[in-house]
PDB file of all heavy atoms in Angstrom:
ATOM      1  N   GLN A   1      -2.842  -6.253   5.905  1.00  0.00           N
ATOM      2  CA  GLN A   1      -1.371  -6.461   6.094  1.00  0.00           C
ATOM      3  C   GLN A   1      -0.687  -5.517   6.919  1.00  0.00           C
ATOM      4  O   GLN A   1       0.316  -5.669   7.664  1.00  0.00           O
ATOM      5  CB  GLN A   1      -0.699  -6.712   4.679  1.00  0.00           C
ATOM      6  CG  GLN A   1      -1.197  -7.976   3.976  1.00  0.00           C
ATOM      7  CD  GLN A   1      -0.872  -8.063   2.494  1.00  0.00           C
ATOM      8  OE1 GLN A   1      -0.787  -7.078   1.846  1.00  0.00           O
ATOM      9  NE2 GLN A   1      -0.757  -9.287   2.060  1.00  0.00           N
ATOM     10  N   LEU A   2      -1.100  -4.151   6.803  1.00  0.00           N
ATOM     11  CA  LEU A   2      -0.473  -3.105   7.580  1.00  0.00           C
ATOM     12  C   LEU A   2      -0.817  -3.397   8.976  1.00  0.00           C
ATOM     13  O   LEU A   2      -0.038  -3.217   9.981  1.00  0.00           O
ATOM     14  CB  LEU A   2      -1.119  -1.687   7.265  1.00  0.00           C
ATOM     15  CG  LEU A   2      -0.383  -1.070   5.981  1.00  0.00           C
ATOM     16  CD1 LEU A   2      -1.136   0.152   5.621  1.00  0.00           C
ATOM     17  CD2 LEU A   2       1.198  -0.791   6.265  1.00  0.00           C
ATOM     18  N   ARG A   3      -2.066  -3.888   9.255  1.00  0.00           N
ATOM     19  CA  ARG A   3      -2.499  -4.021  10.687  1.00  0.00           C
ATOM     20  C   ARG A   3      -1.738  -5.345  11.261  1.00  0.00           C
ATOM     21  O   ARG A   3      -1.520  -5.351  12.456  1.00  0.00           O
ATOM     22  CB  ARG A   3      -4.028  -4.324  10.743  1.00  0.00           C
ATOM     23  CG  ARG A   3      -4.794  -3.061  10.591  1.00  0.00           C
ATOM     24  CD  ARG A   3      -6.258  -3.461  10.622  1.00  0.00           C
ATOM     25  NE  ARG A   3      -7.025  -2.087  10.443  1.00  0.00           N
ATOM     26  CZ  ARG A   3      -8.240  -2.120  10.204  1.00  0.00           C
ATOM     27  NH1 ARG A   3      -8.929  -3.202  10.047  1.00  0.00           N
ATOM     28  NH2 ARG A   3      -8.987  -0.883   9.988  1.00  0.00           N
ATOM     29  N   LEU A   4      -1.318  -6.190  10.428  1.00  0.00           N
ATOM     30  CA  LEU A   4      -0.594  -7.365  10.844  1.00  0.00           C
ATOM     31  C   LEU A   4       0.893  -7.110  10.929  1.00  0.00           C
ATOM     32  O   LEU A   4       1.694  -7.997  11.283  1.00  0.00           O
ATOM     33  CB  LEU A   4      -0.873  -8.481   9.887  1.00  0.00           C
ATOM     34  CG  LEU A   4      -2.355  -9.159   9.959  1.00  0.00           C
ATOM     35  CD1 LEU A   4      -2.537 -10.090   8.746  1.00  0.00           C
ATOM     36  CD2 LEU A   4      -2.473  -9.868  11.221  1.00  0.00           C
ATOM     37  N   GLY A   5       1.337  -5.998  10.563  1.00  0.00           N
ATOM     38  CA  GLY A   5       2.687  -5.593  10.640  1.00  0.00           C
ATOM     39  C   GLY A   5       3.520  -6.243   9.400  1.00  0.00           C
ATOM     40  O   GLY A   5       4.762  -6.596   9.574  1.00  0.00           O
ATOM     41  N   LEU A   6       3.015  -6.233   8.248  1.00  0.00           N
ATOM     42  CA  LEU A   6       3.544  -6.778   7.025  1.00  0.00           C
ATOM     43  C   LEU A   6       3.743  -5.613   6.043  1.00  0.00           C
ATOM     44  O   LEU A   6       2.925  -5.620   4.970  1.00  0.00           O
ATOM     45  CB  LEU A   6       2.803  -8.005   6.496  1.00  0.00           C
ATOM     46  CG  LEU A   6       2.592  -9.117   7.396  1.00  0.00           C
ATOM     47  CD1 LEU A   6       1.617 -10.078   6.886  1.00  0.00           C
ATOM     48  CD2 LEU A   6       3.889  -9.882   7.769  1.00  0.00           C
ATOM     49  N   PRO A   7       4.629  -4.691   6.263  1.00  0.00           N
ATOM     50  CA  PRO A   7       4.527  -3.474   5.314  1.00  0.00           C
ATOM     51  C   PRO A   7       4.991  -3.835   3.903  1.00  0.00           C
ATOM     52  O   PRO A   7       4.526  -3.206   2.992  1.00  0.00           O
ATOM     53  CB  PRO A   7       5.554  -2.530   5.937  1.00  0.00           C
ATOM     54  CG  PRO A   7       6.421  -3.396   6.918  1.00  0.00           C
ATOM     55  CD  PRO A   7       5.545  -4.580   7.264  1.00  0.00           C
ATOM     56  N   ALA A   8       5.919  -4.736   3.662  1.00  0.00           N
ATOM     57  CA  ALA A   8       6.369  -5.106   2.285  1.00  0.00           C
ATOM     58  C   ALA A   8       5.224  -5.624   1.543  1.00  0.00           C
ATOM     59  O   ALA A   8       4.962  -5.301   0.326  1.00  0.00           O
ATOM     60  CB  ALA A   8       7.493  -6.036   2.265  1.00  0.00           C
ATOM     61  N   ALA A   9       4.487  -6.565   2.160  1.00  0.00           N
ATOM     62  CA  ALA A   9       3.281  -7.210   1.432  1.00  0.00           C
ATOM     63  C   ALA A   9       2.166  -6.149   1.206  1.00  0.00           C
ATOM     64  O   ALA A   9       1.628  -6.110   0.226  1.00  0.00           O
ATOM     65  CB  ALA A   9       2.756  -8.343   2.221  1.00  0.00           C
ATOM     66  N   ALA A  10       1.947  -5.304   2.107  1.00  0.00           N
ATOM     67  CA  ALA A  10       1.019  -4.201   2.118  1.00  0.00           C
ATOM     68  C   ALA A  10       1.350  -3.225   0.795  1.00  0.00           C
ATOM     69  O   ALA A  10       0.586  -2.890   0.082  1.00  0.00           O
ATOM     70  CB  ALA A  10       0.935  -3.399   3.356  1.00  0.00           C
ATOM     71  N   ALA A  11       2.627  -2.860   0.823  1.00  0.00           N
ATOM     72  CA  ALA A  11       3.101  -1.943  -0.284  1.00  0.00           C
ATOM     73  C   ALA A  11       2.868  -2.707  -1.667  1.00  0.00           C
ATOM     74  O   ALA A  11       2.465  -1.964  -2.658  1.00  0.00           O
ATOM     75  CB  ALA A  11       4.623  -1.623  -0.032  1.00  0.00           C
ATOM     76  N   ALA A  12       3.094  -3.980  -1.751  1.00  0.00           N
ATOM     77  CA  ALA A  12       3.021  -4.705  -2.927  1.00  0.00           C
ATOM     78  C   ALA A  12       1.468  -4.731  -3.378  1.00  0.00           C
ATOM     79  O   ALA A  12       1.125  -4.464  -4.520  1.00  0.00           O
ATOM     80  CB  ALA A  12       3.500  -6.131  -2.908  1.00  0.00           C
ATOM     81  N   ASN A  13       0.506  -4.985  -2.452  1.00  0.00           N
ATOM     82  CA  ASN A  13      -0.761  -4.922  -2.827  1.00  0.00           C
ATOM     83  C   ASN A  13      -1.346  -3.567  -3.046  1.00  0.00           C
ATOM     84  O   ASN A  13      -2.179  -3.472  -3.890  1.00  0.00           O
ATOM     85  CB  ASN A  13      -1.641  -5.708  -1.618  1.00  0.00           C
ATOM     86  CG  ASN A  13      -1.709  -7.228  -1.811  1.00  0.00           C
ATOM     87  OD1 ASN A  13      -2.102  -7.677  -2.776  1.00  0.00           O
ATOM     88  ND2 ASN A  13      -1.096  -7.813  -0.866  1.00  0.00           N
ATOM     89  N   ALA A  14      -0.894  -2.649  -2.359  1.00  0.00           N
ATOM     90  CA  ALA A  14      -1.296  -1.227  -2.703  1.00  0.00           C
ATOM     91  C   ALA A  14      -0.817  -0.866  -4.000  1.00  0.00           C
ATOM     92  O   ALA A  14      -1.546  -0.187  -4.824  1.00  0.00           O
ATOM     93  CB  ALA A  14      -0.753  -0.243  -1.527  1.00  0.00           C
ATOM     94  N   ALA A  15       0.319  -1.302  -4.400  1.00  0.00           N
ATOM     95  CA  ALA A  15       0.908  -1.031  -5.799  1.00  0.00           C
ATOM     96  C   ALA A  15       0.085  -1.657  -6.903  1.00  0.00           C
ATOM     97  O   ALA A  15      -0.170  -1.078  -7.920  1.00  0.00           O
ATOM     98  CB  ALA A  15       2.391  -1.398  -5.869  1.00  0.00           C
ATOM     99  N   LYS A  16      -0.388  -2.834  -6.541  1.00  0.00           N
ATOM    100  CA  LYS A  16      -1.356  -3.632  -7.527  1.00  0.00           C
ATOM    101  C   LYS A  16      -2.641  -2.843  -7.677  1.00  0.00           C
ATOM    102  O   LYS A  16      -3.156  -2.786  -8.758  1.00  0.00           O
ATOM    103  CB  LYS A  16      -1.558  -5.007  -7.086  1.00  0.00           C
ATOM    104  CG  LYS A  16      -0.404  -5.983  -7.227  1.00  0.00           C
ATOM    105  CD  LYS A  16      -0.623  -7.316  -6.608  1.00  0.00           C
ATOM    106  CE  LYS A  16       0.674  -8.151  -6.742  1.00  0.00           C
ATOM    107  NZ  LYS A  16       0.389  -9.543  -6.167  1.00  0.00           N
ATOM    108  N   ALA A  17      -3.197  -2.307  -6.555  1.00  0.00           N
ATOM    109  CA  ALA A  17      -4.321  -1.618  -6.715  1.00  0.00           C
ATOM    110  C   ALA A  17      -4.273  -0.300  -7.506  1.00  0.00           C
ATOM    111  O   ALA A  17      -5.055   0.010  -8.265  1.00  0.00           O
ATOM    112  CB  ALA A  17      -4.925  -1.155  -5.136  1.00  0.00           C
ATOM    113  N   LEU A  18      -3.061   0.357  -7.252  1.00  0.00           N
ATOM    114  CA  LEU A  18      -2.759   1.541  -7.991  1.00  0.00           C
ATOM    115  C   LEU A  18      -2.494   1.346  -9.516  1.00  0.00           C
ATOM    116  O   LEU A  18      -2.829   2.118 -10.377  1.00  0.00           O
ATOM    117  CB  LEU A  18      -1.600   2.276  -7.444  1.00  0.00           C
ATOM    118  CG  LEU A  18      -1.914   2.971  -6.076  1.00  0.00           C
ATOM    119  CD1 LEU A  18      -0.603   3.423  -5.390  1.00  0.00           C
ATOM    120  CD2 LEU A  18      -2.832   4.054  -6.286  1.00  0.00           C
ATOM    121  N   ALA A  19      -1.998   0.075  -9.764  1.00  0.00           N
ATOM    122  CA  ALA A  19      -1.909  -0.261 -11.286  1.00  0.00           C
ATOM    123  C   ALA A  19      -3.154  -0.479 -11.940  1.00  0.00           C
ATOM    124  O   ALA A  19      -3.352  -0.156 -13.131  1.00  0.00           O
ATOM    125  CB  ALA A  19      -1.050  -1.532 -11.420  1.00  0.00           C
ATOM    126  N   LEU A  20      -4.219  -0.890 -11.117  1.00  0.00           N
ATOM    127  CA  LEU A  20      -5.514  -1.074 -11.751  1.00  0.00           C
ATOM    128  C   LEU A  20      -6.352   0.216 -11.761  1.00  0.00           C
ATOM    129  O   LEU A  20      -7.113   0.585 -12.692  1.00  0.00           O
ATOM    130  CB  LEU A  20      -6.329  -2.055 -10.932  1.00  0.00           C
ATOM    131  CG  LEU A  20      -5.759  -3.602 -11.103  1.00  0.00           C
ATOM    132  CD1 LEU A  20      -6.395  -4.490  -9.979  1.00  0.00           C
ATOM    133  CD2 LEU A  20      -6.241  -4.031 -12.423  1.00  0.00           C
ATOM    134  N   ARG A  21      -6.128   1.148 -10.606  1.00  0.00           N
ATOM    135  CA  ARG A  21      -6.736   2.411 -10.411  1.00  0.00           C
ATOM    136  C   ARG A  21      -5.824   3.388  -9.967  1.00  0.00           C
ATOM    137  O   ARG A  21      -5.582   3.535  -8.784  1.00  0.00           O
ATOM    138  CB  ARG A  21      -7.973   2.295  -9.464  1.00  0.00           C
ATOM    139  CG  ARG A  21      -9.101   1.409  -9.890  1.00  0.00           C
ATOM    140  CD  ARG A  21     -10.051   2.378 -10.629  1.00  0.00           C
ATOM    141  NE  ARG A  21     -11.283   1.699 -10.861  1.00  0.00           N
ATOM    142  CZ  ARG A  21     -11.686   1.259 -12.112  1.00  0.00           C
ATOM    143  NH1 ARG A  21     -10.883   1.431 -13.183  1.00  0.00           N
ATOM    144  NH2 ARG A  21     -12.822   0.618 -12.268  1.00  0.00           N
ATOM    145  N   PRO A  22      -5.180   4.094 -10.880  1.00  0.00           N
ATOM    146  CA  PRO A  22      -4.094   5.071 -10.413  1.00  0.00           C
ATOM    147  C   PRO A  22      -4.705   6.178  -9.541  1.00  0.00           C
ATOM    148  O   PRO A  22      -3.919   6.736  -8.741  1.00  0.00           O
ATOM    149  CB  PRO A  22      -3.541   5.664 -11.741  1.00  0.00           C
ATOM    150  CG  PRO A  22      -3.977   4.610 -12.770  1.00  0.00           C
ATOM    151  CD  PRO A  22      -5.233   3.999 -12.320  1.00  0.00           C
ATOM    152  N   GLY A  23      -5.896   6.395  -9.590  1.00  0.00           N
ATOM    153  CA  GLY A  23      -6.478   7.542  -8.710  1.00  0.00           C
ATOM    154  C   GLY A  23      -7.136   6.988  -7.373  1.00  0.00           C
ATOM    155  O   GLY A  23      -7.709   7.772  -6.624  1.00  0.00           O
ATOM    156  N   HIS A  24      -6.731   5.689  -7.049  1.00  0.00           N
ATOM    157  CA  HIS A  24      -7.184   5.181  -5.770  1.00  0.00           C
ATOM    158  C   HIS A  24      -6.419   5.857  -4.601  1.00  0.00           C
ATOM    159  O   HIS A  24      -5.306   5.445  -4.375  1.00  0.00           O
ATOM    160  CB  HIS A  24      -7.095   3.694  -5.880  1.00  0.00           C
ATOM    161  CG  HIS A  24      -7.940   3.002  -4.854  1.00  0.00           C
ATOM    162  ND1 HIS A  24      -7.798   3.154  -3.478  1.00  0.00           N
ATOM    163  CD2 HIS A  24      -8.827   2.106  -4.943  1.00  0.00           C
ATOM    164  CE1 HIS A  24      -8.631   2.359  -2.785  1.00  0.00           C
ATOM    165  NE2 HIS A  24      -9.365   1.768  -3.770  1.00  0.00           N
ATOM    166  N   LEU A  25      -7.017   6.804  -3.935  1.00  0.00           N
ATOM    167  CA  LEU A  25      -6.325   7.546  -2.857  1.00  0.00           C
ATOM    168  C   LEU A  25      -5.966   6.678  -1.622  1.00  0.00           C
ATOM    169  O   LEU A  25      -4.928   6.741  -0.984  1.00  0.00           O
ATOM    170  CB  LEU A  25      -7.198   8.837  -2.365  1.00  0.00           C
ATOM    171  CG  LEU A  25      -7.222   9.843  -3.442  1.00  0.00           C
ATOM    172  CD1 LEU A  25      -8.031  11.108  -2.957  1.00  0.00           C
ATOM    173  CD2 LEU A  25      -5.915  10.229  -3.878  1.00  0.00           C
ATOM    174  N   GLU A  26      -6.968   5.790  -1.242  1.00  0.00           N
ATOM    175  CA  GLU A  26      -6.758   4.952   0.067  1.00  0.00           C
ATOM    176  C   GLU A  26      -5.488   4.015  -0.309  1.00  0.00           C
ATOM    177  O   GLU A  26      -4.717   3.689   0.597  1.00  0.00           O
ATOM    178  CB  GLU A  26      -8.024   4.264   0.424  1.00  0.00           C
ATOM    179  CG  GLU A  26      -8.995   5.166   1.101  1.00  0.00           C
ATOM    180  CD  GLU A  26      -8.351   5.901   2.345  1.00  0.00           C
ATOM    181  OE1 GLU A  26      -7.749   5.255   3.127  1.00  0.00           O
ATOM    182  OE2 GLU A  26      -8.546   7.128   2.360  1.00  0.00           O
ATOM    183  N   ALA A  27      -5.501   3.474  -1.481  1.00  0.00           N
ATOM    184  CA  ALA A  27      -4.257   2.502  -1.775  1.00  0.00           C
ATOM    185  C   ALA A  27      -3.029   3.360  -1.820  1.00  0.00           C
ATOM    186  O   ALA A  27      -2.072   2.875  -1.356  1.00  0.00           O
ATOM    187  CB  ALA A  27      -4.535   1.947  -3.299  1.00  0.00           C
ATOM    188  N   ARG A  28      -3.015   4.578  -2.307  1.00  0.00           N
ATOM    189  CA  ARG A  28      -1.845   5.433  -2.300  1.00  0.00           C
ATOM    190  C   ARG A  28      -1.480   5.788  -0.759  1.00  0.00           C
ATOM    191  O   ARG A  28      -0.214   5.772  -0.475  1.00  0.00           O
ATOM    192  CB  ARG A  28      -2.047   6.615  -3.063  1.00  0.00           C
ATOM    193  CG  ARG A  28      -0.750   7.385  -3.405  1.00  0.00           C
ATOM    194  CD  ARG A  28      -0.908   8.499  -4.488  1.00  0.00           C
ATOM    195  NE  ARG A  28      -1.267   7.915  -5.688  1.00  0.00           N
ATOM    196  CZ  ARG A  28      -0.422   7.446  -6.582  1.00  0.00           C
ATOM    197  NH1 ARG A  28       0.859   7.400  -6.340  1.00  0.00           N
ATOM    198  NH2 ARG A  28      -0.885   6.981  -7.827  1.00  0.00           N
ATOM    199  N   PHE A  29      -2.484   6.073   0.025  1.00  0.00           N
ATOM    200  CA  PHE A  29      -2.144   6.277   1.403  1.00  0.00           C
ATOM    201  C   PHE A  29      -1.477   5.046   2.112  1.00  0.00           C
ATOM    202  O   PHE A  29      -0.585   5.181   2.884  1.00  0.00           O
ATOM    203  CB  PHE A  29      -3.426   6.825   2.205  1.00  0.00           C
ATOM    204  CG  PHE A  29      -3.227   6.923   3.617  1.00  0.00           C
ATOM    205  CD1 PHE A  29      -2.522   7.983   4.084  1.00  0.00           C
ATOM    206  CD2 PHE A  29      -3.819   6.079   4.466  1.00  0.00           C
ATOM    207  CE1 PHE A  29      -2.397   8.106   5.542  1.00  0.00           C
ATOM    208  CE2 PHE A  29      -3.675   6.110   5.771  1.00  0.00           C
ATOM    209  CZ  PHE A  29      -2.937   7.147   6.342  1.00  0.00           C
ATOM    210  N   ARG A  30      -2.227   3.970   1.868  1.00  0.00           N
ATOM    211  CA  ARG A  30      -1.620   2.708   2.445  1.00  0.00           C
ATOM    212  C   ARG A  30      -0.277   2.380   1.945  1.00  0.00           C
ATOM    213  O   ARG A  30       0.507   1.871   2.706  1.00  0.00           O
ATOM    214  CB  ARG A  30      -2.652   1.568   2.248  1.00  0.00           C
ATOM    215  CG  ARG A  30      -3.937   1.832   2.939  1.00  0.00           C
ATOM    216  CD  ARG A  30      -5.059   0.930   2.636  1.00  0.00           C
ATOM    217  NE  ARG A  30      -6.304   1.410   3.225  1.00  0.00           N
ATOM    218  CZ  ARG A  30      -7.434   0.923   2.950  1.00  0.00           C
ATOM    219  NH1 ARG A  30      -7.633  -0.025   1.905  1.00  0.00           N
ATOM    220  NH2 ARG A  30      -8.411   1.403   3.545  1.00  0.00           N
ATOM    221  N   ARG A  31       0.068   2.603   0.760  1.00  0.00           N
ATOM    222  CA  ARG A  31       1.368   2.479   0.204  1.00  0.00           C
ATOM    223  C   ARG A  31       2.333   3.437   0.868  1.00  0.00           C
ATOM    224  O   ARG A  31       3.470   3.036   1.180  1.00  0.00           O
ATOM    225  CB  ARG A  31       1.416   2.592  -1.376  1.00  0.00           C
ATOM    226  CG  ARG A  31       2.795   2.256  -1.847  1.00  0.00           C
ATOM    227  CD  ARG A  31       2.867   2.285  -3.297  1.00  0.00           C
ATOM    228  NE  ARG A  31       2.812   3.550  -3.964  1.00  0.00           N
ATOM    229  CZ  ARG A  31       2.933   3.773  -5.240  1.00  0.00           C
ATOM    230  NH1 ARG A  31       3.098   2.777  -6.112  1.00  0.00           N
ATOM    231  NH2 ARG A  31       2.931   5.002  -5.744  1.00  0.00           N
ATOM    232  N   ALA A  32       1.956   4.629   1.146  1.00  0.00           N
ATOM    233  CA  ALA A  32       2.815   5.577   1.884  1.00  0.00           C
ATOM    234  C   ALA A  32       3.048   5.191   3.317  1.00  0.00           C
ATOM    235  O   ALA A  32       4.228   5.193   3.714  1.00  0.00           O
ATOM    236  CB  ALA A  32       2.174   6.961   1.893  1.00  0.00           C
ATOM    237  N   VAL A  33       2.018   4.632   4.012  1.00  0.00           N
ATOM    238  CA  VAL A  33       2.278   4.157   5.294  1.00  0.00           C
ATOM    239  C   VAL A  33       3.176   2.977   5.362  1.00  0.00           C
ATOM    240  O   VAL A  33       4.108   2.904   6.238  1.00  0.00           O
ATOM    241  CB  VAL A  33       0.968   3.710   5.948  1.00  0.00           C
ATOM    242  CG1 VAL A  33       1.084   3.075   7.350  1.00  0.00           C
ATOM    243  CG2 VAL A  33       0.066   4.974   6.155  1.00  0.00           C
ATOM    244  N   ALA A  34       3.092   2.048   4.434  1.00  0.00           N
ATOM    245  CA  ALA A  34       3.845   0.912   4.261  1.00  0.00           C
ATOM    246  C   ALA A  34       5.334   1.307   3.953  1.00  0.00           C
ATOM    247  O   ALA A  34       6.308   0.774   4.547  1.00  0.00           O
ATOM    248  CB  ALA A  34       3.415  -0.116   3.216  1.00  0.00           C
ATOM    249  N   ALA A  35       5.521   2.392   2.999  1.00  0.00           N
ATOM    250  CA  ALA A  35       6.887   2.784   2.745  1.00  0.00           C
ATOM    251  C   ALA A  35       7.499   3.450   3.887  1.00  0.00           C
ATOM    252  O   ALA A  35       8.679   3.319   4.245  1.00  0.00           O
ATOM    253  CB  ALA A  35       6.789   3.835   1.651  1.00  0.00           C
ATOM    254  N   ALA A  36       6.691   4.198   4.827  1.00  0.00           N
ATOM    255  CA  ALA A  36       7.313   4.790   6.036  1.00  0.00           C
ATOM    256  C   ALA A  36       7.611   3.775   6.987  1.00  0.00           C
ATOM    257  O   ALA A  36       8.808   3.826   7.529  1.00  0.00           O
ATOM    258  CB  ALA A  36       6.335   5.742   6.586  1.00  0.00           C
ATOM    259  N   ALA A  37       6.981   2.591   7.030  1.00  0.00           N
ATOM    260  CA  ALA A  37       7.251   1.653   8.016  1.00  0.00           C
ATOM    261  C   ALA A  37       8.600   0.878   7.469  1.00  0.00           C
ATOM    262  O   ALA A  37       9.351   0.326   8.389  1.00  0.00           O
ATOM    263  CB  ALA A  37       6.022   0.587   8.107  1.00  0.00           C
ATOM    264  N   MET A  38       8.919   0.878   6.205  1.00  0.00           N
ATOM    265  CA  MET A  38      10.080   0.212   5.674  1.00  0.00           C
ATOM    266  C   MET A  38      11.341   1.280   5.631  1.00  0.00           C
ATOM    267  O   MET A  38      12.281   0.948   4.926  1.00  0.00           O
ATOM    268  CB  MET A  38       9.848  -0.420   4.327  1.00  0.00           C
ATOM    269  CG  MET A  38       8.996  -1.523   4.436  1.00  0.00           C
ATOM    270  SD  MET A  38       8.718  -2.332   2.822  1.00  0.00           S
ATOM    271  CE  MET A  38       7.944  -1.124   1.774  1.00  0.00           C
TER     272      MET A  38
END
């Protein structure tokens, strides 16, 4: 979704990944990139 230019959807999916695995660093990084885009 980040590659497609959909930062809000990307942030939501990264947050879902972090809810399941709080230590998932790539999901946290992708949520940060999506937040910066927004």
